[in-house]
Amino acid sequence: MKLEILTKTENFDIQKHIIASIRDLINLKNLEPGDKLPAERTLSEKFEVSRSNVREAIQKLEFYGLLESIPQSGTFVANIGVIAMNGMIEDILRLESPEFKSLVETRILLELKTVRLAALRRTEEDLQKMKEALDAYSNKVINNEDAVQEDLLFHLAIAKASGNSTMNTFMLIITPEIITNFEKYHVCDKDLAKQGIAEHQEIYNAIKSKNPQLAKQKMKDHFSELYQYCYND
């Protein structure tokens, strides 16, 4: 466990180093909106890090709207002033790696919104994806297998059905960290997993019937244990 935590911390520090180095490069070369950054390989050699680390840092800066990657063309400085960019990067560098509790809290707030939207906007294809994830989750739980990933795939299918790309993106960002830590914090035991089959089915039924109020209530009921984890210290 110590090795895992150390690796995560080191990776977080590497990302901060690369982001700061990209900022310094932009300032040093006086790059303006629309100017192209050096290739990933060049940056990885210059910063003495792996290309995958560079790619992750670029993706993070893309997420915040500071860079723009165009397939087969490269990565470019976004249409934002230098002062604003430096300020935003400083804020990014001050961000700490999120605690599990804050991730769960964010997930709850997001999903109470996405489930309502999913009930209003879902398509037949969305329902099929949810049903596939629900069946996969049920099969694993019945066979006493770990079903954490299938559980979260069901919730990601709901986020996609919401039709809100920003909320869907947020869910995709926080999901890997939640999967990693579910077992560590003993949030999901076998009894809760079996109970989750019926709860998932009720959420699915509410979305299928296009009842946003009921869908939200069923999601809230489903998260009752997580509510206690977050709010009953």
C-alpha atoms as a PDB file:
ATOM      1  CA  MET A   1       0.000   0.000   0.000  1.00  0.00           C
ATOM      2  CA  LYS A   2       2.833   2.430   0.800  1.00  0.00           C
ATOM      3  CA  LEU A   3       4.368   1.772  -2.608  1.00  0.00           C
ATOM      4  CA  GLU A   4       1.034   2.516  -4.316  1.00  0.00           C
ATOM      5  CA  ILE A   5       0.615   5.808  -2.465  1.00  0.00           C
ATOM      6  CA  LEU A   6       4.208   6.810  -3.184  1.00  0.00           C
ATOM      7  CA  THR A   7       3.776   6.093  -6.867  1.00  0.00           C
ATOM      8  CA  LYS A   8       0.625   8.207  -7.027  1.00  0.00           C
ATOM      9  CA  THR A   9       2.337  11.079  -5.230  1.00  0.00           C
ATOM     10  CA  GLU A  10       5.363  10.914  -7.496  1.00  0.00           C
ATOM     11  CA  ASN A  11       3.159  10.897 -10.595  1.00  0.00           C
ATOM     12  CA  PHE A  12       1.251  13.917  -9.277  1.00  0.00           C
ATOM     13  CA  ASP A  13       4.541  15.765  -8.748  1.00  0.00           C
ATOM     14  CA  ILE A  14       5.718  14.847 -12.261  1.00  0.00           C
ATOM     15  CA  GLN A  15       2.508  16.271 -13.732  1.00  0.00           C
ATOM     16  CA  LYS A  16       3.014  19.525 -11.843  1.00  0.00           C
ATOM     17  CA  HIS A  17       6.626  19.696 -13.071  1.00  0.00           C
ATOM     18  CA  ILE A  18       5.580  19.226 -16.701  1.00  0.00           C
ATOM     19  CA  ILE A  19       2.753  21.766 -16.483  1.00  0.00           C
ATOM     20  CA  ALA A  20       5.093  24.339 -14.945  1.00  0.00           C
ATOM     21  CA  SER A  21       7.689  23.586 -17.640  1.00  0.00           C
ATOM     22  CA  ILE A  22       5.125  24.046 -20.428  1.00  0.00           C
ATOM     23  CA  ARG A  23       4.135  27.381 -18.886  1.00  0.00           C
ATOM     24  CA  ASP A  24       7.783  28.463 -18.754  1.00  0.00           C
ATOM     25  CA  LEU A  25       8.283  27.357 -22.369  1.00  0.00           C
ATOM     26  CA  ILE A  26       5.287  29.397 -23.534  1.00  0.00           C
ATOM     27  CA  ASN A  27       6.581  32.466 -21.678  1.00  0.00           C
ATOM     28  CA  LEU A  28      10.207  32.017 -22.774  1.00  0.00           C
ATOM     29  CA  LYS A  29       9.329  31.680 -26.458  1.00  0.00           C
ATOM     30  CA  ASN A  30       6.580  34.322 -26.210  1.00  0.00           C
ATOM     31  CA  LEU A  31       4.101  31.898 -27.736  1.00  0.00           C
ATOM     32  CA  GLU A  32       0.738  33.430 -28.579  1.00  0.00           C
ATOM     33  CA  PRO A  33      -2.733  31.964 -29.160  1.00  0.00           C
ATOM     34  CA  GLY A  34      -2.563  29.634 -32.158  1.00  0.00           C
ATOM     35  CA  ASP A  35       1.176  29.000 -31.858  1.00  0.00           C
ATOM     36  CA  LYS A  36       2.257  25.366 -31.924  1.00  0.00           C
ATOM     37  CA  LEU A  37       4.048  23.588 -29.089  1.00  0.00           C
ATOM     38  CA  PRO A  38       6.974  21.237 -29.789  1.00  0.00           C
ATOM     39  CA  ALA A  39       6.072  17.587 -30.375  1.00  0.00           C
ATOM     40  CA  GLU A  40       5.456  15.244 -27.404  1.00  0.00           C
ATOM     41  CA  ARG A  41       8.749  13.429 -28.036  1.00  0.00           C
ATOM     42  CA  THR A  42      10.670  16.717 -28.008  1.00  0.00           C
ATOM     43  CA  LEU A  43       8.979  17.812 -24.791  1.00  0.00           C
ATOM     44  CA  SER A  44       9.586  14.465 -23.108  1.00  0.00           C
ATOM     45  CA  GLU A  45      13.305  14.672 -23.930  1.00  0.00           C
ATOM     46  CA  LYS A  46      13.533  18.313 -22.873  1.00  0.00           C
ATOM     47  CA  PHE A  47      11.728  17.738 -19.544  1.00  0.00           C
ATOM     48  CA  GLU A  48      13.333  14.290 -19.024  1.00  0.00           C
ATOM     49  CA  VAL A  49       9.997  12.516 -18.516  1.00  0.00           C
ATOM     50  CA  SER A  50       8.055   9.865 -20.435  1.00  0.00           C
ATOM     51  CA  ARG A  51       5.861  10.717 -23.415  1.00  0.00           C
ATOM     52  CA  SER A  52       2.844   9.338 -21.574  1.00  0.00           C
ATOM     53  CA  ASN A  53       3.481  11.813 -18.745  1.00  0.00           C
ATOM     54  CA  VAL A  54       3.667  14.660 -21.252  1.00  0.00           C
ATOM     55  CA  ARG A  55       0.467  13.473 -22.909  1.00  0.00           C
ATOM     56  CA  GLU A  56      -1.372  13.399 -19.560  1.00  0.00           C
ATOM     57  CA  ALA A  57      -0.203  16.925 -18.710  1.00  0.00           C
ATOM     58  CA  ILE A  58      -1.295  18.218 -22.123  1.00  0.00           C
ATOM     59  CA  GLN A  59      -4.691  16.559 -21.702  1.00  0.00           C
ATOM     60  CA  LYS A  60      -5.096  18.240 -18.326  1.00  0.00           C
ATOM     61  CA  LEU A  61      -4.271  21.648 -19.809  1.00  0.00           C
ATOM     62  CA  GLU A  62      -6.698  20.899 -22.647  1.00  0.00           C
ATOM     63  CA  PHE A  63      -9.400  20.144 -20.094  1.00  0.00           C
ATOM     64  CA  TYR A  64      -8.892  23.609 -18.590  1.00  0.00           C
ATOM     65  CA  GLY A  65      -8.995  25.182 -22.046  1.00  0.00           C
ATOM     66  CA  LEU A  66      -5.356  26.301 -22.104  1.00  0.00           C
ATOM     67  CA  LEU A  67      -4.151  24.075 -24.943  1.00  0.00           C
ATOM     68  CA  GLU A  68      -5.818  22.618 -28.009  1.00  0.00           C
ATOM     69  CA  SER A  69      -4.732  19.404 -29.728  1.00  0.00           C
ATOM     70  CA  ILE A  70      -5.622  18.942 -33.372  1.00  0.00           C
ATOM     71  CA  PRO A  71      -5.257  15.382 -34.742  1.00  0.00           C
ATOM     72  CA  GLN A  72      -2.272  14.996 -37.104  1.00  0.00           C
ATOM     73  CA  SER A  73      -1.414  18.677 -36.649  1.00  0.00           C
ATOM     74  CA  GLY A  74      -0.134  19.039 -33.101  1.00  0.00           C
ATOM     75  CA  THR A  75      -0.835  20.929 -29.893  1.00  0.00           C
ATOM     76  CA  PHE A  76      -1.496  24.657 -29.935  1.00  0.00           C
ATOM     77  CA  VAL A  77      -1.810  27.471 -27.418  1.00  0.00           C
ATOM     78  CA  ALA A  78      -5.507  28.213 -26.890  1.00  0.00           C
ATOM     79  CA  ASN A  79      -7.100  31.594 -27.465  1.00  0.00           C
ATOM     80  CA  ILE A  80      -6.376  33.039 -24.034  1.00  0.00           C
ATOM     81  CA  GLY A  81      -4.157  35.896 -22.887  1.00  0.00           C
ATOM     82  CA  VAL A  82      -0.754  35.253 -21.302  1.00  0.00           C
ATOM     83  CA  ILE A  83      -1.692  36.850 -17.955  1.00  0.00           C
ATOM     84  CA  ALA A  84      -4.876  34.798 -17.676  1.00  0.00           C
ATOM     85  CA  MET A  85      -3.034  31.629 -18.724  1.00  0.00           C
ATOM     86  CA  ASN A  86      -0.279  32.098 -16.136  1.00  0.00           C
ATOM     87  CA  GLY A  87      -2.874  32.748 -13.439  1.00  0.00           C
ATOM     88  CA  MET A  88      -4.874  29.641 -14.328  1.00  0.00           C
ATOM     89  CA  ILE A  89      -1.759  27.470 -14.429  1.00  0.00           C
ATOM     90  CA  GLU A  90      -0.759  28.757 -10.991  1.00  0.00           C
ATOM     91  CA  ASP A  91      -4.188  27.713  -9.719  1.00  0.00           C
ATOM     92  CA  ILE A  92      -3.802  24.278 -11.343  1.00  0.00           C
ATOM     93  CA  LEU A  93      -0.387  23.808  -9.729  1.00  0.00           C
ATOM     94  CA  ARG A  94      -1.877  24.604  -6.323  1.00  0.00           C
ATOM     95  CA  LEU A  95      -4.541  21.923  -6.703  1.00  0.00           C
ATOM     96  CA  GLU A  96      -4.029  18.956  -4.403  1.00  0.00           C
ATOM     97  CA  SER A  97      -4.755  15.358  -5.273  1.00  0.00           C
ATOM     98  CA  PRO A  98      -8.438  14.892  -4.283  1.00  0.00           C
ATOM     99  CA  GLU A  99      -9.306  12.858  -1.189  1.00  0.00           C
ATOM    100  CA  PHE A 100     -11.595   9.881  -1.642  1.00  0.00           C
ATOM    101  CA  LYS A 101     -14.329  11.474   0.471  1.00  0.00           C
ATOM    102  CA  SER A 102     -14.428  14.573  -1.736  1.00  0.00           C
ATOM    103  CA  LEU A 103     -14.577  12.370  -4.856  1.00  0.00           C
ATOM    104  CA  VAL A 104     -17.540  10.433  -3.476  1.00  0.00           C
ATOM    105  CA  GLU A 105     -19.281  13.661  -2.464  1.00  0.00           C
ATOM    106  CA  THR A 106     -18.761  15.058  -5.962  1.00  0.00           C
ATOM    107  CA  ARG A 107     -20.050  11.837  -7.482  1.00  0.00           C
ATOM    108  CA  ILE A 108     -23.265  12.004  -5.432  1.00  0.00           C
ATOM    109  CA  LEU A 109     -23.943  15.624  -6.401  1.00  0.00           C
ATOM    110  CA  LEU A 110     -23.263  14.880 -10.074  1.00  0.00           C
ATOM    111  CA  GLU A 111     -25.371  11.751 -10.248  1.00  0.00           C
ATOM    112  CA  LEU A 112     -28.453  13.310  -8.675  1.00  0.00           C
ATOM    113  CA  LYS A 113     -28.342  15.734 -11.603  1.00  0.00           C
ATOM    114  CA  THR A 114     -27.403  13.282 -14.360  1.00  0.00           C
ATOM    115  CA  VAL A 115     -30.095  10.763 -13.428  1.00  0.00           C
ATOM    116  CA  ARG A 116     -32.825  13.419 -13.757  1.00  0.00           C
ATOM    117  CA  LEU A 117     -31.497  14.482 -17.144  1.00  0.00           C
ATOM    118  CA  ALA A 118     -31.143  10.858 -18.238  1.00  0.00           C
ATOM    119  CA  ALA A 119     -34.808  10.244 -17.447  1.00  0.00           C
ATOM    120  CA  LEU A 120     -35.733  13.185 -19.669  1.00  0.00           C
ATOM    121  CA  ARG A 121     -33.284  12.610 -22.528  1.00  0.00           C
ATOM    122  CA  ARG A 122     -32.418   8.912 -22.702  1.00  0.00           C
ATOM    123  CA  THR A 123     -32.614   7.085 -26.007  1.00  0.00           C
ATOM    124  CA  GLU A 124     -33.295   3.415 -26.686  1.00  0.00           C
ATOM    125  CA  GLU A 125     -29.567   2.951 -27.259  1.00  0.00           C
ATOM    126  CA  ASP A 126     -28.862   4.517 -23.848  1.00  0.00           C
ATOM    127  CA  LEU A 127     -31.310   2.111 -22.217  1.00  0.00           C
ATOM    128  CA  GLN A 128     -29.597  -0.827 -23.900  1.00  0.00           C
ATOM    129  CA  LYS A 129     -26.178   0.254 -22.548  1.00  0.00           C
ATOM    130  CA  MET A 130     -27.614   0.624 -19.044  1.00  0.00           C
ATOM    131  CA  LYS A 131     -29.285  -2.782 -19.242  1.00  0.00           C
ATOM    132  CA  GLU A 132     -26.058  -4.446 -20.389  1.00  0.00           C
ATOM    133  CA  ALA A 133     -24.147  -2.913 -17.472  1.00  0.00           C
ATOM    134  CA  LEU A 134     -26.935  -3.810 -15.053  1.00  0.00           C
ATOM    135  CA  ASP A 135     -26.964  -7.454 -16.208  1.00  0.00           C
ATOM    136  CA  ALA A 136     -23.161  -7.685 -16.024  1.00  0.00           C
ATOM    137  CA  TYR A 137     -23.244  -6.279 -12.473  1.00  0.00           C
ATOM    138  CA  SER A 138     -26.013  -8.671 -11.399  1.00  0.00           C
ATOM    139  CA  ASN A 139     -24.219 -11.725 -12.801  1.00  0.00           C
ATOM    140  CA  LYS A 140     -20.976 -10.921 -10.997  1.00  0.00           C
ATOM    141  CA  VAL A 141     -22.692 -10.207  -7.676  1.00  0.00           C
ATOM    142  CA  ILE A 142     -24.730 -13.431  -7.850  1.00  0.00           C
ATOM    143  CA  ASN A 143     -21.496 -15.332  -8.502  1.00  0.00           C
ATOM    144  CA  ASN A 144     -19.836 -13.603  -5.505  1.00  0.00           C
ATOM    145  CA  GLU A 145     -17.363 -11.811  -7.767  1.00  0.00           C
ATOM    146  CA  ASP A 146     -16.095  -8.251  -7.422  1.00  0.00           C
ATOM    147  CA  ALA A 147     -18.499  -6.043  -9.381  1.00  0.00           C
ATOM    148  CA  VAL A 148     -17.190  -2.550  -8.594  1.00  0.00           C
ATOM    149  CA  GLN A 149     -16.299  -1.802 -12.216  1.00  0.00           C
ATOM    150  CA  GLU A 150     -19.649  -3.058 -13.516  1.00  0.00           C
ATOM    151  CA  ASP A 151     -21.390  -0.948 -10.881  1.00  0.00           C
ATOM    152  CA  LEU A 152     -19.644   2.192 -12.053  1.00  0.00           C
ATOM    153  CA  LEU A 153     -20.165   1.298 -15.734  1.00  0.00           C
ATOM    154  CA  PHE A 154     -23.909   1.380 -15.032  1.00  0.00           C
ATOM    155  CA  HIS A 155     -23.577   4.846 -13.520  1.00  0.00           C
ATOM    156  CA  LEU A 156     -21.373   6.026 -16.392  1.00  0.00           C
ATOM    157  CA  ALA A 157     -24.067   4.849 -18.825  1.00  0.00           C
ATOM    158  CA  ILE A 158     -26.532   7.064 -16.957  1.00  0.00           C
ATOM    159  CA  ALA A 159     -24.135  10.013 -17.168  1.00  0.00           C
ATOM    160  CA  LYS A 160     -23.833   9.523 -20.924  1.00  0.00           C
ATOM    161  CA  ALA A 161     -27.619   9.305 -21.250  1.00  0.00           C
ATOM    162  CA  SER A 162     -27.932  12.703 -19.550  1.00  0.00           C
ATOM    163  CA  GLY A 163     -26.801  14.319 -22.790  1.00  0.00           C
ATOM    164  CA  ASN A 164     -24.582  16.706 -20.829  1.00  0.00           C
ATOM    165  CA  SER A 165     -21.026  16.233 -22.094  1.00  0.00           C
ATOM    166  CA  THR A 166     -19.489  18.247 -19.241  1.00  0.00           C
ATOM    167  CA  MET A 167     -21.101  16.143 -16.511  1.00  0.00           C
ATOM    168  CA  ASN A 168     -20.193  13.009 -18.426  1.00  0.00           C
ATOM    169  CA  THR A 169     -16.563  14.183 -18.615  1.00  0.00           C
ATOM    170  CA  PHE A 170     -16.453  14.875 -14.870  1.00  0.00           C
ATOM    171  CA  MET A 171     -17.736  11.363 -14.188  1.00  0.00           C
ATOM    172  CA  LEU A 172     -15.080   9.864 -16.456  1.00  0.00           C
ATOM    173  CA  ILE A 173     -12.381  11.846 -14.639  1.00  0.00           C
ATOM    174  CA  ILE A 174     -13.303  10.822 -11.095  1.00  0.00           C
ATOM    175  CA  THR A 175     -14.336   7.205 -11.810  1.00  0.00           C
ATOM    176  CA  PRO A 176     -10.832   5.608 -11.988  1.00  0.00           C
ATOM    177  CA  GLU A 177      -9.895   7.088  -8.602  1.00  0.00           C
ATOM    178  CA  ILE A 178     -13.157   5.849  -7.082  1.00  0.00           C
ATOM    179  CA  ILE A 179     -12.589   2.322  -8.428  1.00  0.00           C
ATOM    180  CA  THR A 180      -9.080   2.319  -6.958  1.00  0.00           C
ATOM    181  CA  ASN A 181     -10.268   3.320  -3.503  1.00  0.00           C
ATOM    182  CA  PHE A 182     -13.615   1.522  -3.074  1.00  0.00           C
ATOM    183  CA  GLU A 183     -12.033  -1.591  -1.596  1.00  0.00           C
ATOM    184  CA  LYS A 184      -9.458   0.393   0.370  1.00  0.00           C
ATOM    185  CA  TYR A 185     -12.173   2.301   2.252  1.00  0.00           C
ATOM    186  CA  HIS A 186     -14.540  -0.697   2.541  1.00  0.00           C
ATOM    187  CA  VAL A 187     -17.382   1.286   1.019  1.00  0.00           C
ATOM    188  CA  CYS A 188     -18.974  -1.619  -0.809  1.00  0.00           C
ATOM    189  CA  ASP A 189     -19.438  -5.018   0.886  1.00  0.00           C
ATOM    190  CA  LYS A 190     -21.200  -8.126  -0.437  1.00  0.00           C
ATOM    191  CA  ASP A 191     -24.534  -7.420   1.275  1.00  0.00           C
ATOM    192  CA  LEU A 192     -24.655  -3.919  -0.182  1.00  0.00           C
ATOM    193  CA  ALA A 193     -23.702  -5.296  -3.594  1.00  0.00           C
ATOM    194  CA  LYS A 194     -26.673  -7.691  -3.553  1.00  0.00           C
ATOM    195  CA  GLN A 195     -28.946  -4.896  -2.426  1.00  0.00           C
ATOM    196  CA  GLY A 196     -27.552  -2.834  -5.287  1.00  0.00           C
ATOM    197  CA  ILE A 197     -29.057  -5.182  -7.897  1.00  0.00           C
ATOM    198  CA  ALA A 198     -32.599  -4.203  -6.922  1.00  0.00           C
ATOM    199  CA  GLU A 199     -31.640  -0.554  -6.513  1.00  0.00           C
ATOM    200  CA  HIS A 200     -30.043  -0.415  -9.958  1.00  0.00           C
ATOM    201  CA  GLN A 201     -33.148  -2.021 -11.434  1.00  0.00           C
ATOM    202  CA  GLU A 202     -35.376   0.608  -9.803  1.00  0.00           C
ATOM    203  CA  ILE A 203     -33.196   3.425 -11.133  1.00  0.00           C
ATOM    204  CA  TYR A 204     -33.256   1.851 -14.589  1.00  0.00           C
ATOM    205  CA  ASN A 205     -37.052   1.488 -14.490  1.00  0.00           C
ATOM    206  CA  ALA A 206     -37.517   5.130 -13.493  1.00  0.00           C
ATOM    207  CA  ILE A 207     -35.278   6.297 -16.341  1.00  0.00           C
ATOM    208  CA  LYS A 208     -37.033   3.994 -18.792  1.00  0.00           C
ATOM    209  CA  SER A 209     -40.432   5.393 -17.751  1.00  0.00           C
ATOM    210  CA  LYS A 210     -39.090   8.962 -18.143  1.00  0.00           C
ATOM    211  CA  ASN A 211     -39.849   9.922 -14.548  1.00  0.00           C
ATOM    212  CA  PRO A 212     -37.086  12.352 -13.441  1.00  0.00           C
ATOM    213  CA  GLN A 213     -38.398  12.872  -9.889  1.00  0.00           C
ATOM    214  CA  LEU A 214     -38.619   9.147  -9.219  1.00  0.00           C
ATOM    215  CA  ALA A 215     -35.216   8.545 -10.837  1.00  0.00           C
ATOM    216  CA  LYS A 216     -33.610  11.136  -8.558  1.00  0.00           C
ATOM    217  CA  GLN A 217     -35.266   9.650  -5.467  1.00  0.00           C
ATOM    218  CA  LYS A 218     -34.183   6.125  -6.370  1.00  0.00           C
ATOM    219  CA  MET A 219     -30.621   7.330  -6.922  1.00  0.00           C
ATOM    220  CA  LYS A 220     -30.715   9.114  -3.567  1.00  0.00           C
ATOM    221  CA  ASP A 221     -31.925   5.913  -1.884  1.00  0.00           C
ATOM    222  CA  HIS A 222     -29.154   3.996  -3.638  1.00  0.00           C
ATOM    223  CA  PHE A 223     -26.568   6.389  -2.225  1.00  0.00           C
ATOM    224  CA  SER A 224     -27.853   6.261   1.356  1.00  0.00           C
ATOM    225  CA  GLU A 225     -24.755   4.417   2.580  1.00  0.00           C
ATOM    226  CA  LEU A 226     -22.442   6.837   0.784  1.00  0.00           C
ATOM    227  CA  TYR A 227     -24.373   9.770   2.276  1.00  0.00           C
ATOM    228  CA  GLN A 228     -23.598   8.407   5.727  1.00  0.00           C
ATOM    229  CA  TYR A 229     -19.935   8.001   4.773  1.00  0.00           C
ATOM    230  CA  CYS A 230     -19.694  11.620   3.586  1.00  0.00           C
ATOM    231  CA  TYR A 231     -21.882  13.485   6.033  1.00  0.00           C
ATOM    232  CA  ASN A 232     -21.991  11.536   9.287  1.00  0.00           C
ATOM    233  CA  ASP A 233     -18.460  11.989  10.622  1.00  0.00           C
END
